[in-house]
C-alpha atoms as a PDB file:
ATOM      1  CA  UNK A   1       3.197  36.743 -36.954  1.00  0.00           C
ATOM      2  CA  UNK A   2      -0.394  35.556 -37.433  1.00  0.00           C
ATOM      3  CA  UNK A   3      -2.890  35.291 -34.574  1.00  0.00           C
ATOM      4  CA  UNK A   4      -2.326  31.537 -34.274  1.00  0.00           C
ATOM      5  CA  UNK A   5       0.248  28.987 -35.411  1.00  0.00           C
ATOM      6  CA  UNK A   6       0.961  25.320 -34.819  1.00  0.00           C
ATOM      7  CA  UNK A   7       4.286  24.175 -33.375  1.00  0.00           C
ATOM      8  CA  UNK A   8       6.300  21.240 -34.676  1.00  0.00           C
ATOM      9  CA  UNK A   9       4.936  19.067 -31.865  1.00  0.00           C
ATOM     10  CA  UNK A  10       1.343  19.916 -32.777  1.00  0.00           C
ATOM     11  CA  UNK A  11       0.487  22.506 -30.117  1.00  0.00           C
ATOM     12  CA  UNK A  12      -1.597  25.527 -31.149  1.00  0.00           C
ATOM     13  CA  UNK A  13      -0.166  28.895 -30.120  1.00  0.00           C
ATOM     14  CA  UNK A  14      -2.766  31.647 -29.942  1.00  0.00           C
ATOM     15  CA  UNK A  15      -2.787  35.461 -29.922  1.00  0.00           C
ATOM     16  CA  UNK A  16      -0.903  37.472 -27.278  1.00  0.00           C
ATOM     17  CA  UNK A  17      -2.016  37.009 -23.684  1.00  0.00           C
ATOM     18  CA  UNK A  18       0.387  39.702 -22.492  1.00  0.00           C
ATOM     19  CA  UNK A  19       1.956  42.585 -24.400  1.00  0.00           C
ATOM     20  CA  UNK A  20       4.752  44.729 -22.997  1.00  0.00           C
ATOM     21  CA  UNK A  21       5.069  47.933 -25.002  1.00  0.00           C
ATOM     22  CA  UNK A  22       8.078  50.257 -24.625  1.00  0.00           C
ATOM     23  CA  UNK A  23       8.620  49.409 -20.955  1.00  0.00           C
ATOM     24  CA  UNK A  24      11.156  51.549 -19.096  1.00  0.00           C
ATOM     25  CA  UNK A  25      11.827  51.070 -15.383  1.00  0.00           C
ATOM     26  CA  UNK A  26      14.134  53.277 -13.307  1.00  0.00           C
ATOM     27  CA  UNK A  27      15.360  53.160  -9.725  1.00  0.00           C
ATOM     28  CA  UNK A  28      16.629  56.649  -9.010  1.00  0.00           C
ATOM     29  CA  UNK A  29      19.369  57.272 -11.558  1.00  0.00           C
ATOM     30  CA  UNK A  30      19.631  53.608 -12.544  1.00  0.00           C
ATOM     31  CA  UNK A  31      17.646  52.348 -15.537  1.00  0.00           C
ATOM     32  CA  UNK A  32      16.835  48.665 -14.994  1.00  0.00           C
ATOM     33  CA  UNK A  33      14.738  48.249 -18.159  1.00  0.00           C
ATOM     34  CA  UNK A  34      15.192  50.350 -21.296  1.00  0.00           C
ATOM     35  CA  UNK A  35      12.310  50.706 -23.747  1.00  0.00           C
ATOM     36  CA  UNK A  36      11.560  46.991 -24.136  1.00  0.00           C
ATOM     37  CA  UNK A  37       8.644  45.552 -26.106  1.00  0.00           C
ATOM     38  CA  UNK A  38       7.666  41.890 -26.480  1.00  0.00           C
ATOM     39  CA  UNK A  39       4.618  39.675 -26.117  1.00  0.00           C
ATOM     40  CA  UNK A  40       3.694  36.325 -24.599  1.00  0.00           C
ATOM     41  CA  UNK A  41       1.287  34.301 -26.695  1.00  0.00           C
ATOM     42  CA  UNK A  42      -1.463  32.000 -25.487  1.00  0.00           C
ATOM     43  CA  UNK A  43      -0.262  28.430 -24.988  1.00  0.00           C
ATOM     44  CA  UNK A  44       3.445  29.044 -25.487  1.00  0.00           C
ATOM     45  CA  UNK A  45       6.499  28.660 -23.283  1.00  0.00           C
ATOM     46  CA  UNK A  46       8.301  31.997 -23.466  1.00  0.00           C
ATOM     47  CA  UNK A  47      11.811  32.273 -22.013  1.00  0.00           C
ATOM     48  CA  UNK A  48      13.430  35.483 -20.786  1.00  0.00           C
ATOM     49  CA  UNK A  49      17.205  35.094 -20.652  1.00  0.00           C
ATOM     50  CA  UNK A  50      20.332  37.194 -20.242  1.00  0.00           C
ATOM     51  CA  UNK A  51      23.477  37.575 -18.136  1.00  0.00           C
ATOM     52  CA  UNK A  52      23.270  38.415 -14.431  1.00  0.00           C
ATOM     53  CA  UNK A  53      22.009  41.954 -13.891  1.00  0.00           C
ATOM     54  CA  UNK A  54      20.309  42.113 -17.283  1.00  0.00           C
ATOM     55  CA  UNK A  55      16.945  43.123 -15.769  1.00  0.00           C
ATOM     56  CA  UNK A  56      15.092  39.812 -16.142  1.00  0.00           C
ATOM     57  CA  UNK A  57      13.646  39.608 -12.629  1.00  0.00           C
ATOM     58  CA  UNK A  58      12.738  43.299 -12.806  1.00  0.00           C
ATOM     59  CA  UNK A  59      10.741  42.517 -15.942  1.00  0.00           C
ATOM     60  CA  UNK A  60       8.943  39.673 -14.175  1.00  0.00           C
ATOM     61  CA  UNK A  61       8.183  42.047 -11.295  1.00  0.00           C
ATOM     62  CA  UNK A  62       6.653  44.501 -13.768  1.00  0.00           C
ATOM     63  CA  UNK A  63       4.486  41.743 -15.227  1.00  0.00           C
ATOM     64  CA  UNK A  64       3.113  40.692 -11.829  1.00  0.00           C
ATOM     65  CA  UNK A  65       2.661  44.259 -10.583  1.00  0.00           C
ATOM     66  CA  UNK A  66       5.406  44.454  -7.953  1.00  0.00           C
ATOM     67  CA  UNK A  67       7.101  47.231  -9.946  1.00  0.00           C
ATOM     68  CA  UNK A  68       5.353  49.949 -11.938  1.00  0.00           C
ATOM     69  CA  UNK A  69       7.281  51.224 -14.978  1.00  0.00           C
ATOM     70  CA  UNK A  70       7.774  54.945 -15.476  1.00  0.00           C
ATOM     71  CA  UNK A  71       7.175  54.577 -19.205  1.00  0.00           C
ATOM     72  CA  UNK A  72       5.348  52.119 -21.435  1.00  0.00           C
ATOM     73  CA  UNK A  73       2.124  50.138 -21.364  1.00  0.00           C
ATOM     74  CA  UNK A  74       1.097  46.623 -20.338  1.00  0.00           C
ATOM     75  CA  UNK A  75      -1.781  44.880 -22.093  1.00  0.00           C
ATOM     76  CA  UNK A  76      -3.298  41.723 -20.593  1.00  0.00           C
ATOM     77  CA  UNK A  77      -5.751  39.731 -22.695  1.00  0.00           C
ATOM     78  CA  UNK A  78      -6.165  42.671 -25.032  1.00  0.00           C
ATOM     79  CA  UNK A  79      -6.911  45.316 -22.415  1.00  0.00           C
ATOM     80  CA  UNK A  80      -4.553  48.036 -21.218  1.00  0.00           C
ATOM     81  CA  UNK A  81      -3.700  47.390 -17.597  1.00  0.00           C
ATOM     82  CA  UNK A  82      -3.799  50.224 -15.117  1.00  0.00           C
ATOM     83  CA  UNK A  83      -1.318  50.224 -12.194  1.00  0.00           C
ATOM     84  CA  UNK A  84      -2.349  47.359  -9.939  1.00  0.00           C
ATOM     85  CA  UNK A  85      -1.076  45.647  -6.812  1.00  0.00           C
ATOM     86  CA  UNK A  86       0.253  42.058  -7.052  1.00  0.00           C
ATOM     87  CA  UNK A  87      -2.824  40.569  -5.353  1.00  0.00           C
ATOM     88  CA  UNK A  88      -5.091  42.286  -7.894  1.00  0.00           C
ATOM     89  CA  UNK A  89      -3.022  40.867 -10.742  1.00  0.00           C
ATOM     90  CA  UNK A  90      -3.194  37.436  -9.098  1.00  0.00           C
ATOM     91  CA  UNK A  91      -6.992  37.745  -9.237  1.00  0.00           C
ATOM     92  CA  UNK A  92      -6.651  38.402 -12.989  1.00  0.00           C
ATOM     93  CA  UNK A  93      -5.010  35.011 -13.415  1.00  0.00           C
ATOM     94  CA  UNK A  94      -1.251  35.572 -13.178  1.00  0.00           C
ATOM     95  CA  UNK A  95       0.695  33.379 -10.744  1.00  0.00           C
ATOM     96  CA  UNK A  96       4.435  33.098 -10.139  1.00  0.00           C
ATOM     97  CA  UNK A  97       7.255  31.339  -8.370  1.00  0.00           C
ATOM     98  CA  UNK A  98      10.318  33.099  -6.996  1.00  0.00           C
ATOM     99  CA  UNK A  99      14.069  32.949  -7.518  1.00  0.00           C
ATOM    100  CA  UNK A 100      14.479  32.478  -3.763  1.00  0.00           C
ATOM    101  CA  UNK A 101      11.965  29.964  -2.455  1.00  0.00           C
ATOM    102  CA  UNK A 102       9.068  31.735  -0.717  1.00  0.00           C
ATOM    103  CA  UNK A 103       7.219  29.002   1.156  1.00  0.00           C
ATOM    104  CA  UNK A 104       5.829  28.763   4.695  1.00  0.00           C
ATOM    105  CA  UNK A 105       8.538  26.504   6.079  1.00  0.00           C
ATOM    106  CA  UNK A 106       6.610  25.361   9.170  1.00  0.00           C
ATOM    107  CA  UNK A 107       3.528  24.373   7.181  1.00  0.00           C
ATOM    108  CA  UNK A 108       2.993  21.085   5.381  1.00  0.00           C
ATOM    109  CA  UNK A 109       3.218  20.594   1.637  1.00  0.00           C
ATOM    110  CA  UNK A 110      -0.575  20.318   1.491  1.00  0.00           C
ATOM    111  CA  UNK A 111      -1.169  23.536   3.442  1.00  0.00           C
ATOM    112  CA  UNK A 112       1.387  25.465   1.371  1.00  0.00           C
ATOM    113  CA  UNK A 113      -0.304  24.433  -1.857  1.00  0.00           C
ATOM    114  CA  UNK A 114      -3.715  25.266  -0.376  1.00  0.00           C
ATOM    115  CA  UNK A 115      -2.590  28.889   0.004  1.00  0.00           C
ATOM    116  CA  UNK A 116      -2.489  29.011  -3.786  1.00  0.00           C
ATOM    117  CA  UNK A 117      -6.312  28.814  -3.724  1.00  0.00           C
ATOM    118  CA  UNK A 118      -6.583  32.148  -1.897  1.00  0.00           C
ATOM    119  CA  UNK A 119      -7.779  34.044  -4.970  1.00  0.00           C
ATOM    120  CA  UNK A 120     -10.603  31.513  -5.404  1.00  0.00           C
ATOM    121  CA  UNK A 121     -11.959  31.844  -1.869  1.00  0.00           C
ATOM    122  CA  UNK A 122     -15.212  33.816  -2.122  1.00  0.00           C
ATOM    123  CA  UNK A 123     -17.179  33.070   1.054  1.00  0.00           C
ATOM    124  CA  UNK A 124     -17.227  35.682   3.801  1.00  0.00           C
ATOM    125  CA  UNK A 125     -15.824  35.356   7.303  1.00  0.00           C
ATOM    126  CA  UNK A 126     -19.207  34.356   8.783  1.00  0.00           C
ATOM    127  CA  UNK A 127     -19.558  31.237   6.621  1.00  0.00           C
ATOM    128  CA  UNK A 128     -15.886  30.409   7.107  1.00  0.00           C
ATOM    129  CA  UNK A 129     -16.278  30.643  10.889  1.00  0.00           C
ATOM    130  CA  UNK A 130     -19.167  28.182  11.041  1.00  0.00           C
ATOM    131  CA  UNK A 131     -17.800  26.117   8.094  1.00  0.00           C
ATOM    132  CA  UNK A 132     -21.214  25.232   6.777  1.00  0.00           C
ATOM    133  CA  UNK A 133     -23.003  25.700   3.498  1.00  0.00           C
ATOM    134  CA  UNK A 134     -20.999  27.745   0.949  1.00  0.00           C
ATOM    135  CA  UNK A 135     -17.775  27.656   2.979  1.00  0.00           C
ATOM    136  CA  UNK A 136     -17.819  23.878   3.287  1.00  0.00           C
ATOM    137  CA  UNK A 137     -18.522  23.406  -0.431  1.00  0.00           C
ATOM    138  CA  UNK A 138     -15.784  25.865  -1.325  1.00  0.00           C
ATOM    139  CA  UNK A 139     -13.282  24.109   0.962  1.00  0.00           C
ATOM    140  CA  UNK A 140     -14.076  20.725  -0.564  1.00  0.00           C
ATOM    141  CA  UNK A 141     -13.716  22.074  -4.105  1.00  0.00           C
ATOM    142  CA  UNK A 142     -10.392  23.760  -3.290  1.00  0.00           C
ATOM    143  CA  UNK A 143      -9.117  20.616  -1.587  1.00  0.00           C
ATOM    144  CA  UNK A 144      -9.982  18.500  -4.644  1.00  0.00           C
ATOM    145  CA  UNK A 145      -8.016  20.818  -6.924  1.00  0.00           C
ATOM    146  CA  UNK A 146      -5.014  20.810  -4.577  1.00  0.00           C
ATOM    147  CA  UNK A 147      -5.052  17.003  -4.382  1.00  0.00           C
ATOM    148  CA  UNK A 148      -4.994  16.850  -8.197  1.00  0.00           C
ATOM    149  CA  UNK A 149      -1.958  19.159  -8.217  1.00  0.00           C
ATOM    150  CA  UNK A 150      -0.216  16.955  -5.641  1.00  0.00           C
ATOM    151  CA  UNK A 151      -0.885  13.871  -7.777  1.00  0.00           C
ATOM    152  CA  UNK A 152       0.245  15.671 -10.932  1.00  0.00           C
ATOM    153  CA  UNK A 153       3.579  16.669  -9.351  1.00  0.00           C
ATOM    154  CA  UNK A 154       4.055  13.212  -7.827  1.00  0.00           C
ATOM    155  CA  UNK A 155       4.491  14.496  -4.272  1.00  0.00           C
ATOM    156  CA  UNK A 156       1.873  12.387  -2.480  1.00  0.00           C
ATOM    157  CA  UNK A 157       4.525  10.980  -0.135  1.00  0.00           C
ATOM    158  CA  UNK A 158       5.375  14.434   1.276  1.00  0.00           C
ATOM    159  CA  UNK A 159       1.886  15.919   1.431  1.00  0.00           C
ATOM    160  CA  UNK A 160       1.955  16.108   5.260  1.00  0.00           C
ATOM    161  CA  UNK A 161       5.672  16.918   5.600  1.00  0.00           C
ATOM    162  CA  UNK A 162       6.683  20.437   6.738  1.00  0.00           C
ATOM    163  CA  UNK A 163       8.348  21.995   3.700  1.00  0.00           C
ATOM    164  CA  UNK A 164      11.263  23.219   5.788  1.00  0.00           C
ATOM    165  CA  UNK A 165      12.288  19.573   6.200  1.00  0.00           C
ATOM    166  CA  UNK A 166      12.293  18.891   2.440  1.00  0.00           C
ATOM    167  CA  UNK A 167      15.349  18.922   0.169  1.00  0.00           C
ATOM    168  CA  UNK A 168      15.747  21.938  -2.100  1.00  0.00           C
ATOM    169  CA  UNK A 169      14.492  20.278  -5.282  1.00  0.00           C
ATOM    170  CA  UNK A 170      11.244  19.175  -3.652  1.00  0.00           C
ATOM    171  CA  UNK A 171      10.707  22.628  -2.159  1.00  0.00           C
ATOM    172  CA  UNK A 172      10.900  24.063  -5.676  1.00  0.00           C
ATOM    173  CA  UNK A 173       8.310  21.523  -6.783  1.00  0.00           C
ATOM    174  CA  UNK A 174       6.007  22.490  -3.904  1.00  0.00           C
ATOM    175  CA  UNK A 175       6.327  26.136  -4.898  1.00  0.00           C
ATOM    176  CA  UNK A 176       5.353  25.206  -8.445  1.00  0.00           C
ATOM    177  CA  UNK A 177       2.371  23.342  -6.980  1.00  0.00           C
ATOM    178  CA  UNK A 178       1.231  26.401  -5.057  1.00  0.00           C
ATOM    179  CA  UNK A 179       1.303  28.473  -8.255  1.00  0.00           C
ATOM    180  CA  UNK A 180      -0.576  25.760 -10.186  1.00  0.00           C
ATOM    181  CA  UNK A 181      -3.265  25.590  -7.500  1.00  0.00           C
ATOM    182  CA  UNK A 182      -4.277  29.110  -8.511  1.00  0.00           C
ATOM    183  CA  UNK A 183      -5.158  27.749 -11.978  1.00  0.00           C
ATOM    184  CA  UNK A 184      -3.365  30.663 -13.661  1.00  0.00           C
ATOM    185  CA  UNK A 185      -3.909  31.879 -17.191  1.00  0.00           C
ATOM    186  CA  UNK A 186      -0.251  32.980 -17.179  1.00  0.00           C
ATOM    187  CA  UNK A 187       2.400  31.263 -15.052  1.00  0.00           C
ATOM    188  CA  UNK A 188       5.640  33.133 -14.302  1.00  0.00           C
ATOM    189  CA  UNK A 189       8.635  31.035 -13.243  1.00  0.00           C
ATOM    190  CA  UNK A 190      11.688  32.863 -11.898  1.00  0.00           C
ATOM    191  CA  UNK A 191      14.678  30.527 -12.306  1.00  0.00           C
ATOM    192  CA  UNK A 192      12.698  27.345 -11.520  1.00  0.00           C
ATOM    193  CA  UNK A 193      15.826  25.167 -11.868  1.00  0.00           C
ATOM    194  CA  UNK A 194      18.378  27.304 -10.046  1.00  0.00           C
ATOM    195  CA  UNK A 195      20.507  25.218  -7.681  1.00  0.00           C
ATOM    196  CA  UNK A 196      19.212  21.884  -8.946  1.00  0.00           C
ATOM    197  CA  UNK A 197      21.237  18.865  -9.978  1.00  0.00           C
ATOM    198  CA  UNK A 198      20.842  17.278 -13.420  1.00  0.00           C
ATOM    199  CA  UNK A 199      18.145  14.812 -12.352  1.00  0.00           C
ATOM    200  CA  UNK A 200      16.103  17.507 -10.609  1.00  0.00           C
ATOM    201  CA  UNK A 201      16.352  19.736 -13.696  1.00  0.00           C
ATOM    202  CA  UNK A 202      15.106  16.927 -15.895  1.00  0.00           C
ATOM    203  CA  UNK A 203      12.128  16.382 -13.585  1.00  0.00           C
ATOM    204  CA  UNK A 204      11.281  20.097 -13.458  1.00  0.00           C
ATOM    205  CA  UNK A 205      11.579  20.421 -17.248  1.00  0.00           C
ATOM    206  CA  UNK A 206       9.168  17.517 -17.650  1.00  0.00           C
ATOM    207  CA  UNK A 207       6.660  19.082 -15.264  1.00  0.00           C
ATOM    208  CA  UNK A 208       6.853  22.450 -17.039  1.00  0.00           C
ATOM    209  CA  UNK A 209       6.222  20.807 -20.403  1.00  0.00           C
ATOM    210  CA  UNK A 210       3.348  18.769 -18.933  1.00  0.00           C
ATOM    211  CA  UNK A 211       1.762  21.866 -17.351  1.00  0.00           C
ATOM    212  CA  UNK A 212       1.848  23.556 -20.737  1.00  0.00           C
ATOM    213  CA  UNK A 213       0.601  20.517 -22.624  1.00  0.00           C
ATOM    214  CA  UNK A 214      -2.015  19.043 -20.278  1.00  0.00           C
ATOM    215  CA  UNK A 215      -3.382  22.237 -18.716  1.00  0.00           C
ATOM    216  CA  UNK A 216      -2.776  24.514 -21.689  1.00  0.00           C
ATOM    217  CA  UNK A 217      -1.108  27.002 -19.346  1.00  0.00           C
ATOM    218  CA  UNK A 218       0.847  29.865 -20.893  1.00  0.00           C
ATOM    219  CA  UNK A 219       4.292  30.033 -19.274  1.00  0.00           C
ATOM    220  CA  UNK A 220       7.000  32.696 -19.079  1.00  0.00           C
ATOM    221  CA  UNK A 221      10.230  31.680 -17.395  1.00  0.00           C
ATOM    222  CA  UNK A 222      13.622  33.064 -16.513  1.00  0.00           C
ATOM    223  CA  UNK A 223      16.350  30.462 -16.765  1.00  0.00           C
ATOM    224  CA  UNK A 224      20.157  30.474 -16.972  1.00  0.00           C
ATOM    225  CA  UNK A 225      20.628  26.908 -18.195  1.00  0.00           C
ATOM    226  CA  UNK A 226      20.741  27.428 -21.955  1.00  0.00           C
ATOM    227  CA  UNK A 227      20.281  23.740 -22.739  1.00  0.00           C
ATOM    228  CA  UNK A 228      16.980  23.800 -20.827  1.00  0.00           C
ATOM    229  CA  UNK A 229      15.889  27.002 -22.578  1.00  0.00           C
ATOM    230  CA  UNK A 230      16.670  25.567 -26.000  1.00  0.00           C
ATOM    231  CA  UNK A 231      14.835  22.320 -25.214  1.00  0.00           C
ATOM    232  CA  UNK A 232      11.538  23.594 -23.774  1.00  0.00           C
ATOM    233  CA  UNK A 233      10.968  27.134 -25.108  1.00  0.00           C
ATOM    234  CA  UNK A 234       8.892  28.151 -28.106  1.00  0.00           C
ATOM    235  CA  UNK A 235      10.345  31.672 -28.210  1.00  0.00           C
ATOM    236  CA  UNK A 236      13.079  33.497 -26.333  1.00  0.00           C
ATOM    237  CA  UNK A 237      13.596  37.167 -25.513  1.00  0.00           C
ATOM    238  CA  UNK A 238      17.159  38.145 -24.545  1.00  0.00           C
ATOM    239  CA  UNK A 239      18.045  41.056 -22.267  1.00  0.00           C
ATOM    240  CA  UNK A 240      21.414  42.661 -21.511  1.00  0.00           C
ATOM    241  CA  UNK A 241      22.041  45.781 -19.436  1.00  0.00           C
ATOM    242  CA  UNK A 242      18.272  46.339 -19.337  1.00  0.00           C
ATOM    243  CA  UNK A 243      17.878  46.375 -23.128  1.00  0.00           C
ATOM    244  CA  UNK A 244      16.437  43.777 -25.485  1.00  0.00           C
ATOM    245  CA  UNK A 245      19.152  42.365 -27.740  1.00  0.00           C
ATOM    246  CA  UNK A 246      17.338  39.361 -29.215  1.00  0.00           C
ATOM    247  CA  UNK A 247      13.866  37.923 -29.723  1.00  0.00           C
ATOM    248  CA  UNK A 248      12.805  34.852 -31.656  1.00  0.00           C
ATOM    249  CA  UNK A 249      12.870  31.078 -31.741  1.00  0.00           C
ATOM    250  CA  UNK A 250      15.626  29.277 -29.819  1.00  0.00           C
ATOM    251  CA  UNK A 251      17.529  28.662 -33.072  1.00  0.00           C
ATOM    252  CA  UNK A 252      17.266  32.303 -34.102  1.00  0.00           C
ATOM    253  CA  UNK A 253      18.432  33.528 -30.717  1.00  0.00           C
ATOM    254  CA  UNK A 254      21.354  31.145 -30.321  1.00  0.00           C
ATOM    255  CA  UNK A 255      22.716  32.286 -33.699  1.00  0.00           C
ATOM    256  CA  UNK A 256      22.236  36.006 -32.951  1.00  0.00           C
ATOM    257  CA  UNK A 257      25.666  37.656 -32.797  1.00  0.00           C
ATOM    258  CA  UNK A 258      24.599  40.208 -30.174  1.00  0.00           C
ATOM    259  CA  UNK A 259      23.440  37.365 -27.938  1.00  0.00           C
ATOM    260  CA  UNK A 260      26.647  35.417 -28.500  1.00  0.00           C
ATOM    261  CA  UNK A 261      28.706  38.489 -27.597  1.00  0.00           C
ATOM    262  CA  UNK A 262      26.711  39.153 -24.418  1.00  0.00           C
ATOM    263  CA  UNK A 263      27.067  35.585 -23.161  1.00  0.00           C
ATOM    264  CA  UNK A 264      30.747  35.384 -24.068  1.00  0.00           C
ATOM    265  CA  UNK A 265      31.393  38.721 -22.388  1.00  0.00           C
ATOM    266  CA  UNK A 266      32.478  40.542 -25.560  1.00  0.00           C
ATOM    267  CA  UNK A 267      29.887  43.292 -25.291  1.00  0.00           C
ATOM    268  CA  UNK A 268      30.674  43.767 -21.601  1.00  0.00           C
ATOM    269  CA  UNK A 269      34.403  44.078 -22.243  1.00  0.00           C
ATOM    270  CA  UNK A 270      33.873  46.667 -24.969  1.00  0.00           C
ATOM    271  CA  UNK A 271      31.789  48.766 -22.594  1.00  0.00           C
END
């Protein structure tokens, strides 16, 4: 594949932002990921799919530094990445949402999204304490960005509502907002539509496409709803039992016999 290409809808996909090379992850005697390689290219929506227990969330945890693989290499923006903690990787420009919502339930929507600006807070504790000069300017700038995210996600009406009082679908949208507030170069979404009804899934799909289109954000997502994956993804990597069994466009993947077998349970029955 060349360094850049143009999609059917006119978007330009650039060179790899992230490259996973021969990643193997073990927990004791259990191998969660087996020698997997793939990349995520600048400007694309890259889906990671597979049956339950395939190792998808483990792969996302490797990407954002929560797990460190025993074998393999991770390259981010062309440079080999040394073992880093999640907060260090967040400073590099990688943000994520979680399969199980991880919000501060007693805090408002606005305050939850403001926490996404943590990596952009540079002033020291002295200036923050007196809230003058650099700290005040920084606070105003961060607040402006958060307000734009709130407008973008159409959640102005709940900006002062404690998130614990919100329905599930809106909580997922707030979590997306917190990740967007970090202005990530790479956005990781772990099952962003899990537990949603059809209308909520349609809304979330629209927001994901708009984030990619309007902000130019590179996105990698785990999702079980195959219709969603086929509709919004540029490329798909398929995992099963910790191994990669497919990688390509949605059409290529959906016609891959190994993928068909895994989703129909054929491969599992044979094993």
